[in-house]
Amino acid sequence: MPGAVFFSDAFEAATMTLIDSSPGRLALGVPVAVWIGLGSNLQEPERQVRAALGELAALPESRLQAASRLYRTAPVGPPGQPDYINAAARLETRLPPRALLAELHRIELAHGRRRDGTRWGPRILDLDILIYGDARIDEPGLTIPHPEMARRAFVLVPLADVAPPDLAVPGVGILAEMLERCERDGVEPLGDRAAGTNASSIGSGTAGQRDERRKNNGVM
């Protein structure tokens, strides 16, 4: 997957397989493969997205494994908005979906995000659970897989940096096939990597500090 930044020296192709996310396996603490979409078009959006990637790396019971390139994308929604910066990240997590969503909302709030009910309006930071293992969830405030992803190039193009082309999105389709059907105008990569010239620049601290943080989070 060209353009992706990987975060584990032990990362192997086998880890791209979706992990069973049934309640029984979650109760045993089996990590689940999760993909997160990131976006911002206010208050230095590139900085917002880069910082959020670092905060994803520090989530409890989780490990950030890969981050996409950053993309400049045309806004969808009310006219007059600035362009967005979008990215995608791949995690393994032991957090249940609702707990993970709460952590993402906490990060958004720390960046100054306020949810005013404006659909597709400008925002400082938007973090969405795109895929959570093989789970299909349709509850108030939480729909997984993300309901709009099959039609959104600003979601699919970054996702393709950190997911295999034959990834089966539960109830939606195959990633490569969705990309073929999706209009990609208005989606431009900013560079080769998500955060500078090396993967360690996304997670804050030295390699030893990051290892200690992962140990404390229970993912080592």
C-alpha atoms as a PDB file:
ATOM      1  CA  MET A   1       0.000   0.000   0.000  1.00  0.00           C
ATOM      2  CA  PRO A   2       2.097   2.928  -1.242  1.00  0.00           C
ATOM      3  CA  GLY A   3       1.843   6.082   0.806  1.00  0.00           C
ATOM      4  CA  ALA A   4       0.995   4.368   4.076  1.00  0.00           C
ATOM      5  CA  VAL A   5       3.053   4.811   7.228  1.00  0.00           C
ATOM      6  CA  PHE A   6       3.262   1.648   9.353  1.00  0.00           C
ATOM      7  CA  PHE A   7       3.777   1.707  13.119  1.00  0.00           C
ATOM      8  CA  SER A   8       4.780  -1.831  14.055  1.00  0.00           C
ATOM      9  CA  ASP A   9       8.026  -3.543  13.111  1.00  0.00           C
ATOM     10  CA  ALA A  10       6.155  -6.813  13.482  1.00  0.00           C
ATOM     11  CA  PHE A  11       3.365  -5.762  11.106  1.00  0.00           C
ATOM     12  CA  GLU A  12       2.609  -8.604   8.690  1.00  0.00           C
ATOM     13  CA  ALA A  13       0.142  -9.090   5.875  1.00  0.00           C
ATOM     14  CA  ALA A  14      -1.838 -11.462   8.078  1.00  0.00           C
ATOM     15  CA  THR A  15      -2.770  -8.601  10.380  1.00  0.00           C
ATOM     16  CA  MET A  16      -4.816  -7.052   7.570  1.00  0.00           C
ATOM     17  CA  THR A  17      -7.389  -9.854   8.011  1.00  0.00           C
ATOM     18  CA  LEU A  18     -10.526  -8.615   9.718  1.00  0.00           C
ATOM     19  CA  ILE A  19     -10.816  -9.982  13.243  1.00  0.00           C
ATOM     20  CA  ASP A  20     -14.075 -11.492  14.495  1.00  0.00           C
ATOM     21  CA  SER A  21     -15.789  -8.738  16.495  1.00  0.00           C
ATOM     22  CA  SER A  22     -18.525 -10.834  18.099  1.00  0.00           C
ATOM     23  CA  PRO A  23     -19.314  -9.908  21.734  1.00  0.00           C
ATOM     24  CA  GLY A  24     -17.708 -13.111  23.026  1.00  0.00           C
ATOM     25  CA  ARG A  25     -14.347 -12.366  21.450  1.00  0.00           C
ATOM     26  CA  LEU A  26     -14.473  -8.753  22.564  1.00  0.00           C
ATOM     27  CA  ALA A  27     -15.083  -9.925  26.114  1.00  0.00           C
ATOM     28  CA  LEU A  28     -11.858 -11.939  25.894  1.00  0.00           C
ATOM     29  CA  GLY A  29      -9.954  -8.830  24.889  1.00  0.00           C
ATOM     30  CA  VAL A  30      -9.130  -9.933  21.337  1.00  0.00           C
ATOM     31  CA  PRO A  31      -7.991  -6.873  19.339  1.00  0.00           C
ATOM     32  CA  VAL A  32     -10.238  -5.802  16.481  1.00  0.00           C
ATOM     33  CA  ALA A  33      -9.102  -4.222  13.211  1.00  0.00           C
ATOM     34  CA  VAL A  34     -10.562  -0.723  12.904  1.00  0.00           C
ATOM     35  CA  TRP A  35     -10.276   1.999  10.268  1.00  0.00           C
ATOM     36  CA  ILE A  36     -10.771   5.658  11.215  1.00  0.00           C
ATOM     37  CA  GLY A  37     -11.440   8.585   8.874  1.00  0.00           C
ATOM     38  CA  LEU A  38      -9.997  12.000   9.758  1.00  0.00           C
ATOM     39  CA  GLY A  39     -10.921  15.400   8.360  1.00  0.00           C
ATOM     40  CA  SER A  40     -10.587  19.118   9.072  1.00  0.00           C
ATOM     41  CA  ASN A  41     -11.155  22.382   7.216  1.00  0.00           C
ATOM     42  CA  LEU A  42     -10.772  24.989   9.977  1.00  0.00           C
ATOM     43  CA  GLN A  43      -7.923  26.409  12.073  1.00  0.00           C
ATOM     44  CA  GLU A  44      -4.908  25.022  10.198  1.00  0.00           C
ATOM     45  CA  PRO A  45      -6.535  21.755   9.122  1.00  0.00           C
ATOM     46  CA  GLU A  46      -3.272  20.012   8.230  1.00  0.00           C
ATOM     47  CA  ARG A  47      -1.994  20.624  11.754  1.00  0.00           C
ATOM     48  CA  GLN A  48      -5.295  19.422  13.226  1.00  0.00           C
ATOM     49  CA  VAL A  49      -5.145  16.121  11.338  1.00  0.00           C
ATOM     50  CA  ARG A  50      -1.476  15.498  12.110  1.00  0.00           C
ATOM     51  CA  ALA A  51      -2.096  16.139  15.806  1.00  0.00           C
ATOM     52  CA  ALA A  52      -5.121  13.843  15.806  1.00  0.00           C
ATOM     53  CA  LEU A  53      -3.024  11.026  14.338  1.00  0.00           C
ATOM     54  CA  GLY A  54      -0.667  11.399  17.274  1.00  0.00           C
ATOM     55  CA  GLU A  55      -3.599  11.249  19.672  1.00  0.00           C
ATOM     56  CA  LEU A  56      -4.914   8.097  18.017  1.00  0.00           C
ATOM     57  CA  ALA A  57      -1.493   6.557  18.678  1.00  0.00           C
ATOM     58  CA  ALA A  58      -2.041   7.212  22.404  1.00  0.00           C
ATOM     59  CA  LEU A  59      -5.531   5.695  22.721  1.00  0.00           C
ATOM     60  CA  PRO A  60      -5.916   3.175  25.552  1.00  0.00           C
ATOM     61  CA  GLU A  61      -6.122  -0.528  24.690  1.00  0.00           C
ATOM     62  CA  SER A  62      -5.197   0.312  21.100  1.00  0.00           C
ATOM     63  CA  ARG A  63      -2.319   0.383  18.664  1.00  0.00           C
ATOM     64  CA  LEU A  64      -2.050   2.699  15.670  1.00  0.00           C
ATOM     65  CA  GLN A  65      -0.650   0.537  12.872  1.00  0.00           C
ATOM     66  CA  ALA A  66      -0.782   2.694   9.753  1.00  0.00           C
ATOM     67  CA  ALA A  67      -1.679   6.197   8.584  1.00  0.00           C
ATOM     68  CA  SER A  68      -2.445   7.345   5.064  1.00  0.00           C
ATOM     69  CA  ARG A  69      -1.050  10.287   3.212  1.00  0.00           C
ATOM     70  CA  LEU A  70      -2.823  13.590   3.740  1.00  0.00           C
ATOM     71  CA  TYR A  71      -5.234  14.645   0.993  1.00  0.00           C
ATOM     72  CA  ARG A  72      -6.686  18.015   0.090  1.00  0.00           C
ATOM     73  CA  THR A  73     -10.333  17.507  -0.847  1.00  0.00           C
ATOM     74  CA  ALA A  74     -13.194  19.642  -2.090  1.00  0.00           C
ATOM     75  CA  PRO A  75     -15.866  20.236   0.574  1.00  0.00           C
ATOM     76  CA  VAL A  76     -19.242  18.508   0.478  1.00  0.00           C
ATOM     77  CA  GLY A  77     -22.164  20.446   1.896  1.00  0.00           C
ATOM     78  CA  PRO A  78     -22.950  24.147   2.375  1.00  0.00           C
ATOM     79  CA  PRO A  79     -21.196  26.412  -0.167  1.00  0.00           C
ATOM     80  CA  GLY A  80     -18.337  28.738   0.689  1.00  0.00           C
ATOM     81  CA  GLN A  81     -16.357  26.310   2.832  1.00  0.00           C
ATOM     82  CA  PRO A  82     -12.570  25.980   2.629  1.00  0.00           C
ATOM     83  CA  ASP A  83     -11.062  22.749   1.339  1.00  0.00           C
ATOM     84  CA  TYR A  84     -10.635  19.829   3.709  1.00  0.00           C
ATOM     85  CA  ILE A  85      -7.573  17.891   4.723  1.00  0.00           C
ATOM     86  CA  ASN A  86      -8.456  14.194   4.975  1.00  0.00           C
ATOM     87  CA  ALA A  87      -6.624  11.053   6.035  1.00  0.00           C
ATOM     88  CA  ALA A  88      -7.314   7.523   7.241  1.00  0.00           C
ATOM     89  CA  ALA A  89      -5.751   5.390   9.952  1.00  0.00           C
ATOM     90  CA  ARG A  90      -5.737   1.708  10.818  1.00  0.00           C
ATOM     91  CA  LEU A  91      -5.891   0.652  14.467  1.00  0.00           C
ATOM     92  CA  GLU A  92      -6.107  -2.527  16.421  1.00  0.00           C
ATOM     93  CA  THR A  93      -8.155  -1.981  19.557  1.00  0.00           C
ATOM     94  CA  ARG A  94      -9.753  -3.816  22.439  1.00  0.00           C
ATOM     95  CA  LEU A  95     -12.177  -0.944  23.023  1.00  0.00           C
ATOM     96  CA  PRO A  96     -15.825  -1.754  22.234  1.00  0.00           C
ATOM     97  CA  PRO A  97     -17.395   0.450  19.529  1.00  0.00           C
ATOM     98  CA  ARG A  98     -19.131   2.846  21.937  1.00  0.00           C
ATOM     99  CA  ALA A  99     -16.011   3.275  24.046  1.00  0.00           C
ATOM    100  CA  LEU A 100     -13.938   3.946  20.932  1.00  0.00           C
ATOM    101  CA  LEU A 101     -16.500   6.490  19.729  1.00  0.00           C
ATOM    102  CA  ALA A 102     -16.333   8.234  23.118  1.00  0.00           C
ATOM    103  CA  GLU A 103     -12.538   8.455  22.807  1.00  0.00           C
ATOM    104  CA  LEU A 104     -12.837   9.964  19.319  1.00  0.00           C
ATOM    105  CA  HIS A 105     -15.359  12.519  20.581  1.00  0.00           C
ATOM    106  CA  ARG A 106     -12.987  13.360  23.436  1.00  0.00           C
ATOM    107  CA  ILE A 107     -10.210  14.096  20.927  1.00  0.00           C
ATOM    108  CA  GLU A 108     -12.556  16.216  18.808  1.00  0.00           C
ATOM    109  CA  LEU A 109     -13.635  18.199  21.872  1.00  0.00           C
ATOM    110  CA  ALA A 110     -10.017  18.798  22.876  1.00  0.00           C
ATOM    111  CA  HIS A 111      -9.460  20.329  19.428  1.00  0.00           C
ATOM    112  CA  GLY A 112     -12.420  22.672  19.919  1.00  0.00           C
ATOM    113  CA  ARG A 113     -15.047  20.755  17.943  1.00  0.00           C
ATOM    114  CA  ARG A 114     -18.595  21.725  18.805  1.00  0.00           C
ATOM    115  CA  ARG A 115     -21.488  19.712  17.411  1.00  0.00           C
ATOM    116  CA  ASP A 116     -24.126  22.235  16.337  1.00  0.00           C
ATOM    117  CA  GLY A 117     -26.167  19.887  14.164  1.00  0.00           C
ATOM    118  CA  THR A 118     -25.067  21.402  10.834  1.00  0.00           C
ATOM    119  CA  ARG A 119     -24.822  18.519   8.356  1.00  0.00           C
ATOM    120  CA  TRP A 120     -21.609  18.613   6.297  1.00  0.00           C
ATOM    121  CA  GLY A 121     -20.718  22.000   7.776  1.00  0.00           C
ATOM    122  CA  PRO A 122     -17.145  23.214   8.342  1.00  0.00           C
ATOM    123  CA  ARG A 123     -15.382  21.699  11.329  1.00  0.00           C
ATOM    124  CA  ILE A 124     -12.118  21.836  13.223  1.00  0.00           C
ATOM    125  CA  LEU A 125     -11.824  18.051  13.417  1.00  0.00           C
ATOM    126  CA  ASP A 126     -13.965  15.124  12.369  1.00  0.00           C
ATOM    127  CA  LEU A 127     -13.106  11.553  13.424  1.00  0.00           C
ATOM    128  CA  ASP A 128     -15.309   8.738  12.128  1.00  0.00           C
ATOM    129  CA  ILE A 129     -15.264   4.995  12.695  1.00  0.00           C
ATOM    130  CA  LEU A 130     -15.381   3.751   9.112  1.00  0.00           C
ATOM    131  CA  ILE A 131     -15.031   0.015   9.786  1.00  0.00           C
ATOM    132  CA  TYR A 132     -14.936  -1.941  13.051  1.00  0.00           C
ATOM    133  CA  GLY A 133     -13.915  -5.512  12.302  1.00  0.00           C
ATOM    134  CA  ASP A 134     -16.839  -7.311  10.701  1.00  0.00           C
ATOM    135  CA  ALA A 135     -19.399  -5.467  12.838  1.00  0.00           C
ATOM    136  CA  ARG A 136     -22.584  -3.982  11.421  1.00  0.00           C
ATOM    137  CA  ILE A 137     -24.148  -1.518  13.845  1.00  0.00           C
ATOM    138  CA  ASP A 138     -27.155   0.753  13.324  1.00  0.00           C
ATOM    139  CA  GLU A 139     -27.963   2.526  16.559  1.00  0.00           C
ATOM    140  CA  PRO A 140     -28.771   6.116  17.528  1.00  0.00           C
ATOM    141  CA  GLY A 141     -25.518   8.040  17.220  1.00  0.00           C
ATOM    142  CA  LEU A 142     -23.513   5.126  15.819  1.00  0.00           C
ATOM    143  CA  THR A 143     -23.667   3.515  12.381  1.00  0.00           C
ATOM    144  CA  ILE A 144     -20.883   1.134  11.295  1.00  0.00           C
ATOM    145  CA  PRO A 145     -19.710   0.821   8.586  1.00  0.00           C
ATOM    146  CA  HIS A 146     -19.956   4.537   7.950  1.00  0.00           C
ATOM    147  CA  PRO A 147     -23.111   4.981   5.832  1.00  0.00           C
ATOM    148  CA  GLU A 148     -21.660   7.478   3.332  1.00  0.00           C
ATOM    149  CA  MET A 149     -18.276   5.898   2.680  1.00  0.00           C
ATOM    150  CA  ALA A 150     -19.138   4.034  -0.539  1.00  0.00           C
ATOM    151  CA  ARG A 151     -19.872   7.328  -2.325  1.00  0.00           C
ATOM    152  CA  ARG A 152     -17.127   9.497  -0.851  1.00  0.00           C
ATOM    153  CA  ALA A 153     -13.751   9.680  -2.574  1.00  0.00           C
ATOM    154  CA  PHE A 154     -12.384  11.698   0.343  1.00  0.00           C
ATOM    155  CA  VAL A 155     -13.011   8.602   2.477  1.00  0.00           C
ATOM    156  CA  LEU A 156     -12.115   5.816   0.033  1.00  0.00           C
ATOM    157  CA  VAL A 157      -8.893   7.230  -1.412  1.00  0.00           C
ATOM    158  CA  PRO A 158      -7.129   7.669   1.967  1.00  0.00           C
ATOM    159  CA  LEU A 159      -8.593   4.347   3.126  1.00  0.00           C
ATOM    160  CA  ALA A 160      -6.938   2.597   0.179  1.00  0.00           C
ATOM    161  CA  ASP A 161      -3.544   3.719   1.532  1.00  0.00           C
ATOM    162  CA  VAL A 162      -4.019   1.673   4.711  1.00  0.00           C
ATOM    163  CA  ALA A 163      -6.292  -1.203   3.657  1.00  0.00           C
ATOM    164  CA  PRO A 164      -5.917  -4.014   1.105  1.00  0.00           C
ATOM    165  CA  PRO A 165      -7.861  -3.600  -2.163  1.00  0.00           C
ATOM    166  CA  ASP A 166      -9.838  -6.782  -1.479  1.00  0.00           C
ATOM    167  CA  LEU A 167     -11.016  -5.529   1.917  1.00  0.00           C
ATOM    168  CA  ALA A 168     -14.671  -6.534   2.307  1.00  0.00           C
ATOM    169  CA  VAL A 169     -16.575  -3.727   4.017  1.00  0.00           C
ATOM    170  CA  PRO A 170     -19.459  -5.467   5.832  1.00  0.00           C
ATOM    171  CA  GLY A 171     -22.743  -4.905   4.031  1.00  0.00           C
ATOM    172  CA  VAL A 172     -21.181  -2.351   1.674  1.00  0.00           C
ATOM    173  CA  GLY A 173     -18.794  -4.021  -0.769  1.00  0.00           C
ATOM    174  CA  ILE A 174     -15.179  -4.539  -1.786  1.00  0.00           C
ATOM    175  CA  LEU A 175     -12.896  -1.528  -1.399  1.00  0.00           C
ATOM    176  CA  ALA A 176     -11.337  -1.767  -4.884  1.00  0.00           C
ATOM    177  CA  GLU A 177     -14.758  -2.014  -6.530  1.00  0.00           C
ATOM    178  CA  MET A 178     -16.066   0.996  -4.621  1.00  0.00           C
ATOM    179  CA  LEU A 179     -13.021   2.993  -5.701  1.00  0.00           C
ATOM    180  CA  GLU A 180     -13.635   2.113  -9.347  1.00  0.00           C
ATOM    181  CA  ARG A 181     -17.183   3.460  -9.146  1.00  0.00           C
ATOM    182  CA  CYS A 182     -16.272   6.606  -7.230  1.00  0.00           C
ATOM    183  CA  GLU A 183     -15.550   9.971  -8.858  1.00  0.00           C
ATOM    184  CA  ARG A 184     -12.152  11.113  -7.590  1.00  0.00           C
ATOM    185  CA  ASP A 185     -12.127  14.716  -8.818  1.00  0.00           C
ATOM    186  CA  GLY A 186     -11.171  17.137  -6.060  1.00  0.00           C
ATOM    187  CA  VAL A 187      -8.991  14.671  -4.109  1.00  0.00           C
ATOM    188  CA  GLU A 188      -5.282  15.543  -4.247  1.00  0.00           C
ATOM    189  CA  PRO A 189      -2.448  14.053  -2.150  1.00  0.00           C
ATOM    190  CA  LEU A 190      -0.319  16.565  -0.266  1.00  0.00           C
ATOM    191  CA  GLY A 191       2.751  14.328  -0.190  1.00  0.00           C
ATOM    192  CA  ASP A 192       4.053  10.817   0.256  1.00  0.00           C
ATOM    193  CA  ARG A 193       3.585  10.488   3.995  1.00  0.00           C
ATOM    194  CA  ALA A 194       1.070  11.459   6.634  1.00  0.00           C
ATOM    195  CA  ALA A 195       3.476  13.302   8.927  1.00  0.00           C
ATOM    196  CA  GLY A 196       6.866  14.123   7.522  1.00  0.00           C
ATOM    197  CA  THR A 197       9.642  11.774   6.530  1.00  0.00           C
ATOM    198  CA  ASN A 198       9.271   9.008   9.102  1.00  0.00           C
ATOM    199  CA  ALA A 199       6.540   7.157  10.915  1.00  0.00           C
ATOM    200  CA  SER A 200       7.758   8.099  14.378  1.00  0.00           C
ATOM    201  CA  SER A 201       6.927  11.750  13.795  1.00  0.00           C
ATOM    202  CA  ILE A 202       3.209  10.992  14.153  1.00  0.00           C
ATOM    203  CA  GLY A 203       3.346   9.439  17.611  1.00  0.00           C
ATOM    204  CA  SER A 204       4.851  11.862  20.088  1.00  0.00           C
ATOM    205  CA  GLY A 205       7.990  10.988  22.049  1.00  0.00           C
ATOM    206  CA  THR A 206      10.908   8.682  21.469  1.00  0.00           C
ATOM    207  CA  ALA A 207      10.560   5.046  20.433  1.00  0.00           C
ATOM    208  CA  GLY A 208      11.104   4.017  24.046  1.00  0.00           C
ATOM    209  CA  GLN A 209       8.430   6.412  25.254  1.00  0.00           C
ATOM    210  CA  ARG A 210       5.979   5.101  22.666  1.00  0.00           C
ATOM    211  CA  ASP A 211       6.734   1.511  23.705  1.00  0.00           C
ATOM    212  CA  GLU A 212       6.147   2.425  27.339  1.00  0.00           C
ATOM    213  CA  ARG A 213       2.844   4.073  26.417  1.00  0.00           C
ATOM    214  CA  ARG A 214       1.755   0.958  24.519  1.00  0.00           C
ATOM    215  CA  LYS A 215       2.736  -1.206  27.499  1.00  0.00           C
ATOM    216  CA  ASN A 216       0.677   0.969  29.824  1.00  0.00           C
ATOM    217  CA  ASN A 217      -2.245   0.748  27.406  1.00  0.00           C
ATOM    218  CA  GLY A 218      -2.061  -3.034  27.484  1.00  0.00           C
ATOM    219  CA  VAL A 219      -1.228  -3.619  23.817  1.00  0.00           C
ATOM    220  CA  MET A 220       2.282  -5.079  24.127  1.00  0.00           C
END
